[in-house]
Amino acid sequence: MKNEEKNRKQQLTSLPISINILKVALMVAGVYYLGVKFLFAILLWWAVRPLLRVFFLTLKILFWGVITLFILYAII
């Protein structure tokens, strides 16, 4: 009788502990996953930023080039 009660108590107390361990494991996995995504996004931005700078610089040069061509055309 006492053994059955002990077993039942042990089962009841060990279940929430395993649920807590599962919650902690899920939280750690989520933080790790989000951290990896965040690091990947930072690396991607770091790699793409110079290309974007060159792209916008080229657009600026083209824009001012077209404006100067219009001005030269108007003068001539």
Protein backbone atom coordinates (compact mmCIF):
# COMPACT_ATOMS: atom_id res chain seq x y z
CA MET A 1 0.00 0.00 0.00
CA LYS A 2 2.72 2.46 1.00
CA ASN A 3 4.78 1.49 -2.04
CA GLU A 4 1.84 2.20 -4.36
CA GLU A 5 1.32 5.63 -2.75
CA LYS A 6 5.04 6.38 -3.04
CA ASN A 7 5.02 5.34 -6.69
CA ARG A 8 1.97 7.48 -7.39
CA LYS A 9 3.54 10.50 -5.62
CA GLN A 10 6.78 9.93 -7.47
CA GLN A 11 4.97 9.80 -10.81
CA LEU A 12 3.02 12.96 -10.00
CA THR A 13 6.13 14.86 -8.92
CA SER A 14 8.37 13.65 -11.75
CA LEU A 15 5.87 14.67 -14.45
CA PRO A 16 5.97 18.47 -13.86
CA ILE A 17 9.78 18.32 -13.69
CA SER A 18 9.90 16.71 -17.12
CA ILE A 19 7.41 19.32 -18.41
CA ASN A 20 9.66 22.08 -17.03
CA ILE A 21 12.71 20.48 -18.66
CA LEU A 22 10.77 20.31 -21.92
CA LYS A 23 9.80 24.00 -21.62
CA VAL A 24 13.42 24.98 -20.94
CA ALA A 25 14.61 22.88 -23.88
CA LEU A 26 12.04 24.51 -26.18
CA MET A 27 13.04 27.99 -24.98
CA VAL A 28 16.73 27.24 -25.53
CA ALA A 29 15.99 25.86 -29.00
CA GLY A 30 13.90 28.92 -29.87
CA VAL A 31 16.54 31.37 -28.64
CA TYR A 32 19.25 29.45 -30.51
CA TYR A 33 17.14 29.41 -33.71
CA LEU A 34 16.34 33.13 -33.49
CA GLY A 35 19.96 33.91 -32.64
CA VAL A 36 21.20 32.00 -35.67
CA LYS A 37 18.64 33.80 -37.88
CA PHE A 38 19.69 37.14 -36.38
CA LEU A 39 23.39 36.42 -36.97
CA PHE A 40 22.64 35.31 -40.52
CA ALA A 41 20.69 38.53 -41.14
CA ILE A 42 23.59 40.63 -39.79
CA LEU A 43 26.10 38.76 -41.97
CA LEU A 44 23.85 39.12 -45.00
CA TRP A 45 23.42 42.86 -44.39
CA TRP A 46 27.19 43.22 -43.87
CA ALA A 47 27.82 41.47 -47.19
CA VAL A 48 25.11 43.32 -49.18
CA ARG A 49 25.76 46.82 -47.79
CA PRO A 50 28.79 47.62 -50.03
CA LEU A 51 26.87 46.39 -53.08
CA LEU A 52 23.94 48.65 -52.17
CA ARG A 53 26.33 51.56 -51.69
CA VAL A 54 27.84 51.00 -55.16
CA PHE A 55 24.35 50.62 -56.67
CA PHE A 56 23.07 53.89 -55.18
CA LEU A 57 26.30 55.69 -56.08
CA THR A 58 25.85 54.54 -59.68
CA LEU A 59 22.23 55.76 -59.64
CA LYS A 60 23.36 59.13 -58.29
CA ILE A 61 26.04 59.46 -60.99
CA LEU A 62 23.53 58.52 -63.69
CA PHE A 63 20.99 61.01 -62.32
CA TRP A 64 23.46 63.91 -62.25
CA GLY A 65 24.83 62.84 -65.64
CA VAL A 66 21.35 63.05 -67.18
CA ILE A 67 20.77 66.46 -65.57
CA THR A 68 24.09 67.80 -66.88
CA LEU A 69 23.29 66.43 -70.35
CA PHE A 70 19.96 68.30 -70.30
CA ILE A 71 21.71 71.50 -69.18
CA LEU A 72 24.39 71.13 -71.88
CA TYR A 73 21.69 70.41 -74.46
CA ALA A 74 19.78 73.52 -73.35
CA ILE A 75 22.93 75.67 -73.58
CA ILE A 76 23.88 74.32 -77.00
